[in-house]
Every structure is written in C-alpha cells, then in structure tokens.
Amino acid sequence: MEESAKKKKSLFKSLKAEFKKVIWPDKKSFTRQTIAVLLTSVFLGALIALLDLVIKFGINFVI
C-alpha cells in the first residue's frame, strides 16, 4: 500500500513539473487559433454535409 502512495506522489510531482514547462499562448495568439479551429470545423462540417447530400442523391438516382 505504501508503494502505491509513493507512486501517486511521484506522479503528481512530475505532472506539476511538466506543467511548469508548458509555454501558454498569449491572448492574441489564443484568440486567432480558436477562430481558426472554429472556422475549420464549420468548413469541414459543411463539406461533409455536402458530400453526404451528393452521395445520397447519387444512390437514390441509381436505385
């Protein structure tokens, strides 16, 4: 049981050390990246919906 407690303590200690190494983006960069992700997601969602519609139309035409 004691070994498990030491492993957990070591895990959280190393996790904390890794979080200190992270370079967090500034507000401007964060905003730009968020907008890029949202626009890409909307674009890809629309593209997939369009492809789905075309494929559905093609299948209905063949049948």
PDB file of N, CA and C in Angstrom:
ATOM      1  N   MET A   1       0.829  -1.197   0.000  1.00  0.00           N
ATOM      2  CA  MET A   1       0.000   0.000   0.000  1.00  0.00           C
ATOM      3  C   MET A   1       0.869   1.255   0.000  1.00  0.00           C
ATOM      4  N   GLU A   2       1.961   1.201   0.750  1.00  0.00           N
ATOM      5  CA  GLU A   2       2.846   2.351   0.861  1.00  0.00           C
ATOM      6  C   GLU A   2       3.506   2.666  -0.482  1.00  0.00           C
ATOM      7  N   GLU A   3       3.841   1.617  -1.241  1.00  0.00           N
ATOM      8  CA  GLU A   3       4.469   1.793  -2.549  1.00  0.00           C
ATOM      9  C   GLU A   3       3.531   2.544  -3.500  1.00  0.00           C
ATOM     10  N   SER A   4       2.241   2.231  -3.429  1.00  0.00           N
ATOM     11  CA  SER A   4       1.250   2.888  -4.271  1.00  0.00           C
ATOM     12  C   SER A   4       1.138   4.373  -3.941  1.00  0.00           C
ATOM     13  N   ALA A   5       1.189   4.717  -2.685  1.00  0.00           N
ATOM     14  CA  ALA A   5       1.118   6.118  -2.264  1.00  0.00           C
ATOM     15  C   ALA A   5       2.335   6.888  -2.760  1.00  0.00           C
ATOM     16  N   LYS A   6       3.495   6.239  -2.739  1.00  0.00           N
ATOM     17  CA  LYS A   6       4.720   6.895  -3.230  1.00  0.00           C
ATOM     18  C   LYS A   6       4.631   7.129  -4.734  1.00  0.00           C
ATOM     19  N   LYS A   7       4.076   6.152  -5.454  1.00  0.00           N
ATOM     20  CA  LYS A   7       3.939   6.301  -6.900  1.00  0.00           C
ATOM     21  C   LYS A   7       2.999   7.448  -7.241  1.00  0.00           C
ATOM     22  N   LYS A   8       1.903   7.562  -6.506  1.00  0.00           N
ATOM     23  CA  LYS A   8       0.945   8.645  -6.755  1.00  0.00           C
ATOM     24  C   LYS A   8       1.595   9.997  -6.484  1.00  0.00           C
ATOM     25  N   LYS A   9       2.337  10.097  -5.382  1.00  0.00           N
ATOM     26  CA  LYS A   9       3.002  11.340  -5.031  1.00  0.00           C
ATOM     27  C   LYS A   9       4.021  11.714  -6.101  1.00  0.00           C
ATOM     28  N   SER A  10       4.769  10.715  -6.560  1.00  0.00           N
ATOM     29  CA  SER A  10       5.766  10.932  -7.594  1.00  0.00           C
ATOM     30  C   SER A  10       5.094  11.357  -8.901  1.00  0.00           C
ATOM     31  N   LEU A  11       3.973  10.732  -9.215  1.00  0.00           N
ATOM     32  CA  LEU A  11       3.242  11.061 -10.433  1.00  0.00           C
ATOM     33  C   LEU A  11       2.787  12.517 -10.411  1.00  0.00           C
ATOM     34  N   PHE A  12       2.180  12.943  -9.299  1.00  0.00           N
ATOM     35  CA  PHE A  12       1.697  14.316  -9.218  1.00  0.00           C
ATOM     36  C   PHE A  12       2.847  15.313  -9.195  1.00  0.00           C
ATOM     37  N   LYS A  13       3.957  14.934  -8.594  1.00  0.00           N
ATOM     38  CA  LYS A  13       5.125  15.818  -8.560  1.00  0.00           C
ATOM     39  C   LYS A  13       5.682  16.011  -9.969  1.00  0.00           C
ATOM     40  N   SER A  14       5.780  14.922 -10.730  1.00  0.00           N
ATOM     41  CA  SER A  14       6.290  15.029 -12.098  1.00  0.00           C
ATOM     42  C   SER A  14       5.279  15.736 -13.001  1.00  0.00           C
ATOM     43  N   LEU A  15       3.993  15.547 -12.748  1.00  0.00           N
ATOM     44  CA  LEU A  15       2.966  16.239 -13.515  1.00  0.00           C
ATOM     45  C   LEU A  15       3.047  17.749 -13.293  1.00  0.00           C
ATOM     46  N   LYS A  16       3.249  18.140 -12.051  1.00  0.00           N
ATOM     47  CA  LYS A  16       3.386  19.555 -11.719  1.00  0.00           C
ATOM     48  C   LYS A  16       4.632  20.136 -12.388  1.00  0.00           C
ATOM     49  N   ALA A  17       5.709  19.391 -12.389  1.00  0.00           N
ATOM     50  CA  ALA A  17       6.944  19.843 -13.032  1.00  0.00           C
ATOM     51  C   ALA A  17       6.742  20.020 -14.538  1.00  0.00           C
ATOM     52  N   GLU A  18       6.002  19.117 -15.161  1.00  0.00           N
ATOM     53  CA  GLU A  18       5.747  19.222 -16.597  1.00  0.00           C
ATOM     54  C   GLU A  18       4.866  20.428 -16.915  1.00  0.00           C
ATOM     55  N   PHE A  19       3.888  20.711 -16.063  1.00  0.00           N
ATOM     56  CA  PHE A  19       3.020  21.860 -16.296  1.00  0.00           C
ATOM     57  C   PHE A  19       3.794  23.169 -16.188  1.00  0.00           C
ATOM     58  N   LYS A  20       4.843  23.199 -15.387  1.00  0.00           N
ATOM     59  CA  LYS A  20       5.668  24.406 -15.282  1.00  0.00           C
ATOM     60  C   LYS A  20       6.456  24.645 -16.563  1.00  0.00           C
ATOM     61  N   LYS A  21       6.703  23.592 -17.340  1.00  0.00           N
ATOM     62  CA  LYS A  21       7.451  23.713 -18.592  1.00  0.00           C
ATOM     63  C   LYS A  21       6.588  24.208 -19.754  1.00  0.00           C
ATOM     64  N   VAL A  22       5.277  24.125 -19.604  1.00  0.00           N
ATOM     65  CA  VAL A  22       4.366  24.490 -20.689  1.00  0.00           C
ATOM     66  C   VAL A  22       4.446  25.987 -20.952  1.00  0.00           C
ATOM     67  N   ILE A  23       4.537  26.335 -22.230  1.00  0.00           N
ATOM     68  CA  ILE A  23       4.514  27.741 -22.624  1.00  0.00           C
ATOM     69  C   ILE A  23       3.095  28.033 -23.113  1.00  0.00           C
ATOM     70  N   TRP A  24       2.345  28.761 -22.297  1.00  0.00           N
ATOM     71  CA  TRP A  24       0.957  29.048 -22.630  1.00  0.00           C
ATOM     72  C   TRP A  24       0.898  30.193 -23.629  1.00  0.00           C
ATOM     73  N   PRO A  25      -0.022  30.124 -24.611  1.00  0.00           N
ATOM     74  CA  PRO A  25      -0.103  31.185 -25.623  1.00  0.00           C
ATOM     75  C   PRO A  25      -0.655  32.484 -25.032  1.00  0.00           C
ATOM     76  N   ASP A  26      -0.267  33.591 -25.653  1.00  0.00           N
ATOM     77  CA  ASP A  26      -0.823  34.867 -25.204  1.00  0.00           C
ATOM     78  C   ASP A  26      -2.261  34.995 -25.724  1.00  0.00           C
ATOM     79  N   LYS A  27      -2.961  36.028 -25.270  1.00  0.00           N
ATOM     80  CA  LYS A  27      -4.387  36.168 -25.572  1.00  0.00           C
ATOM     81  C   LYS A  27      -4.640  36.304 -27.073  1.00  0.00           C
ATOM     82  N   LYS A  28      -3.798  37.082 -27.768  1.00  0.00           N
ATOM     83  CA  LYS A  28      -3.986  37.308 -29.206  1.00  0.00           C
ATOM     84  C   LYS A  28      -3.805  35.999 -29.982  1.00  0.00           C
ATOM     85  N   SER A  29      -2.757  35.270 -29.662  1.00  0.00           N
ATOM     86  CA  SER A  29      -2.490  34.002 -30.326  1.00  0.00           C
ATOM     87  C   SER A  29      -3.597  32.994 -30.037  1.00  0.00           C
ATOM     88  N   PHE A  30      -4.032  32.936 -28.785  1.00  0.00           N
ATOM     89  CA  PHE A  30      -5.101  32.026 -28.381  1.00  0.00           C
ATOM     90  C   PHE A  30      -6.383  32.326 -29.156  1.00  0.00           C
ATOM     91  N   THR A  31      -6.718  33.609 -29.282  1.00  0.00           N
ATOM     92  CA  THR A  31      -7.927  34.011 -30.000  1.00  0.00           C
ATOM     93  C   THR A  31      -7.841  33.633 -31.472  1.00  0.00           C
ATOM     94  N   ARG A  32      -6.688  33.896 -32.098  1.00  0.00           N
ATOM     95  CA  ARG A  32      -6.507  33.556 -33.515  1.00  0.00           C
ATOM     96  C   ARG A  32      -6.622  32.050 -33.741  1.00  0.00           C
ATOM     97  N   GLN A  33      -5.993  31.284 -32.879  1.00  0.00           N
ATOM     98  CA  GLN A  33      -6.037  29.834 -33.029  1.00  0.00           C
ATOM     99  C   GLN A  33      -7.444  29.294 -32.795  1.00  0.00           C
ATOM    100  N   THR A  34      -8.164  29.865 -31.844  1.00  0.00           N
ATOM    101  CA  THR A  34      -9.537  29.434 -31.578  1.00  0.00           C
ATOM    102  C   THR A  34     -10.426  29.719 -32.783  1.00  0.00           C
ATOM    103  N   ILE A  35     -10.283  30.904 -33.360  1.00  0.00           N
ATOM    104  CA  ILE A  35     -11.073  31.260 -34.547  1.00  0.00           C
ATOM    105  C   ILE A  35     -10.733  30.331 -35.706  1.00  0.00           C
ATOM    106  N   ALA A  36      -9.447  30.016 -35.875  1.00  0.00           N
ATOM    107  CA  ALA A  36      -9.028  29.114 -36.952  1.00  0.00           C
ATOM    108  C   ALA A  36      -9.646  27.729 -36.773  1.00  0.00           C
ATOM    109  N   VAL A  37      -9.658  27.234 -35.560  1.00  0.00           N
ATOM    110  CA  VAL A  37     -10.246  25.910 -35.296  1.00  0.00           C
ATOM    111  C   VAL A  37     -11.746  25.923 -35.555  1.00  0.00           C
ATOM    112  N   LEU A  38     -12.427  26.980 -35.102  1.00  0.00           N
ATOM    113  CA  LEU A  38     -13.872  27.066 -35.316  1.00  0.00           C
ATOM    114  C   LEU A  38     -14.222  27.154 -36.796  1.00  0.00           C
ATOM    115  N   LEU A  39     -13.496  27.999 -37.532  1.00  0.00           N
ATOM    116  CA  LEU A  39     -13.769  28.131 -38.970  1.00  0.00           C
ATOM    117  C   LEU A  39     -13.482  26.829 -39.715  1.00  0.00           C
ATOM    118  N   THR A  40     -12.392  26.170 -39.356  1.00  0.00           N
ATOM    119  CA  THR A  40     -12.060  24.898 -39.992  1.00  0.00           C
ATOM    120  C   THR A  40     -13.129  23.853 -39.690  1.00  0.00           C
ATOM    121  N   SER A  41     -13.604  23.825 -38.456  1.00  0.00           N
ATOM    122  CA  SER A  41     -14.641  22.861 -38.079  1.00  0.00           C
ATOM    123  C   SER A  41     -15.935  23.111 -38.836  1.00  0.00           C
ATOM    124  N   VAL A  42     -16.331  24.372 -38.950  1.00  0.00           N
ATOM    125  CA  VAL A  42     -17.553  24.716 -39.686  1.00  0.00           C
ATOM    126  C   VAL A  42     -17.394  24.359 -41.166  1.00  0.00           C
ATOM    127  N   PHE A  43     -16.232  24.699 -41.746  1.00  0.00           N
ATOM    128  CA  PHE A  43     -15.989  24.397 -43.159  1.00  0.00           C
ATOM    129  C   PHE A  43     -16.025  22.899 -43.418  1.00  0.00           C
ATOM    130  N   LEU A  44     -15.330  22.126 -42.594  1.00  0.00           N
ATOM    131  CA  LEU A  44     -15.314  20.675 -42.790  1.00  0.00           C
ATOM    132  C   LEU A  44     -16.694  20.060 -42.548  1.00  0.00           C
ATOM    133  N   GLY A  45     -17.447  20.590 -41.585  1.00  0.00           N
ATOM    134  CA  GLY A  45     -18.803  20.109 -41.349  1.00  0.00           C
ATOM    135  C   GLY A  45     -19.692  20.349 -42.559  1.00  0.00           C
ATOM    136  N   ALA A  46     -19.587  21.536 -43.156  1.00  0.00           N
ATOM    137  CA  ALA A  46     -20.369  21.862 -44.356  1.00  0.00           C
ATOM    138  C   ALA A  46     -19.944  20.983 -45.532  1.00  0.00           C
ATOM    139  N   LEU A  47     -18.647  20.758 -45.670  1.00  0.00           N
ATOM    140  CA  LEU A  47     -18.140  19.917 -46.756  1.00  0.00           C
ATOM    141  C   LEU A  47     -18.644  18.477 -46.606  1.00  0.00           C
ATOM    142  N   ILE A  48     -18.600  17.947 -45.408  1.00  0.00           N
ATOM    143  CA  ILE A  48     -19.092  16.587 -45.170  1.00  0.00           C
ATOM    144  C   ILE A  48     -20.596  16.503 -45.425  1.00  0.00           C
ATOM    145  N   ALA A  49     -21.349  17.520 -45.009  1.00  0.00           N
ATOM    146  CA  ALA A  49     -22.793  17.537 -45.253  1.00  0.00           C
ATOM    147  C   ALA A  49     -23.078  17.580 -46.755  1.00  0.00           C
ATOM    148  N   LEU A  50     -22.313  18.368 -47.493  1.00  0.00           N
ATOM    149  CA  LEU A  50     -22.489  18.461 -48.936  1.00  0.00           C
ATOM    150  C   LEU A  50     -22.168  17.128 -49.614  1.00  0.00           C
ATOM    151  N   LEU A  51     -21.049  16.513 -49.222  1.00  0.00           N
ATOM    152  CA  LEU A  51     -20.696  15.212 -49.783  1.00  0.00           C
ATOM    153  C   LEU A  51     -21.758  14.169 -49.464  1.00  0.00           C
ATOM    154  N   ASP A  52     -22.286  14.209 -48.263  1.00  0.00           N
ATOM    155  CA  ASP A  52     -23.336  13.277 -47.865  1.00  0.00           C
ATOM    156  C   ASP A  52     -24.572  13.459 -48.746  1.00  0.00           C
ATOM    157  N   LEU A  53     -24.926  14.709 -48.991  1.00  0.00           N
ATOM    158  CA  LEU A  53     -26.082  15.010 -49.833  1.00  0.00           C
ATOM    159  C   LEU A  53     -25.866  14.507 -51.261  1.00  0.00           C
ATOM    160  N   VAL A  54     -24.685  14.739 -51.815  1.00  0.00           N
ATOM    161  CA  VAL A  54     -24.380  14.304 -53.180  1.00  0.00           C
ATOM    162  C   VAL A  54     -24.400  12.774 -53.269  1.00  0.00           C
ATOM    163  N   ILE A  55     -23.780  12.120 -52.291  1.00  0.00           N
ATOM    164  CA  ILE A  55     -23.758  10.652 -52.300  1.00  0.00           C
ATOM    165  C   ILE A  55     -25.165  10.089 -52.146  1.00  0.00           C
ATOM    166  N   LYS A  56     -25.959  10.686 -51.268  1.00  0.00           N
ATOM    167  CA  LYS A  56     -27.341  10.237 -51.074  1.00  0.00           C
ATOM    168  C   LYS A  56     -28.147  10.416 -52.364  1.00  0.00           C
ATOM    169  N   PHE A  57     -27.957  11.557 -53.044  1.00  0.00           N
ATOM    170  CA  PHE A  57     -28.644  11.791 -54.306  1.00  0.00           C
ATOM    171  C   PHE A  57     -28.210  10.766 -55.359  1.00  0.00           C
ATOM    172  N   GLY A  58     -26.907  10.482 -55.407  1.00  0.00           N
ATOM    173  CA  GLY A  58     -26.387   9.507 -56.374  1.00  0.00           C
ATOM    174  C   GLY A  58     -26.932   8.118 -56.124  1.00  0.00           C
ATOM    175  N   ILE A  59     -26.996   7.709 -54.882  1.00  0.00           N
ATOM    176  CA  ILE A  59     -27.529   6.385 -54.549  1.00  0.00           C
ATOM    177  C   ILE A  59     -29.010   6.292 -54.893  1.00  0.00           C
ATOM    178  N   ASN A  60     -29.760   7.353 -54.567  1.00  0.00           N
ATOM    179  CA  ASN A  60     -31.193   7.363 -54.906  1.00  0.00           C
ATOM    180  C   ASN A  60     -31.401   7.340 -56.430  1.00  0.00           C
ATOM    181  N   PHE A  61     -30.512   8.007 -57.168  1.00  0.00           N
ATOM    182  CA  PHE A  61     -30.613   8.019 -58.626  1.00  0.00           C
ATOM    183  C   PHE A  61     -30.367   6.627 -59.205  1.00  0.00           C
ATOM    184  N   VAL A  62     -29.378   5.917 -58.646  1.00  0.00           N
ATOM    185  CA  VAL A  62     -29.056   4.571 -59.128  1.00  0.00           C
ATOM    186  C   VAL A  62     -30.176   3.593 -58.797  1.00  0.00           C
ATOM    187  N   ILE A  63     -30.724   3.728 -57.596  1.00  0.00           N
ATOM    188  CA  ILE A  63     -31.795   2.825 -57.165  1.00  0.00           C
ATOM    189  C   ILE A  63     -33.073   3.201 -57.892  1.00  0.00           C
TER     190      ILE A  63
END
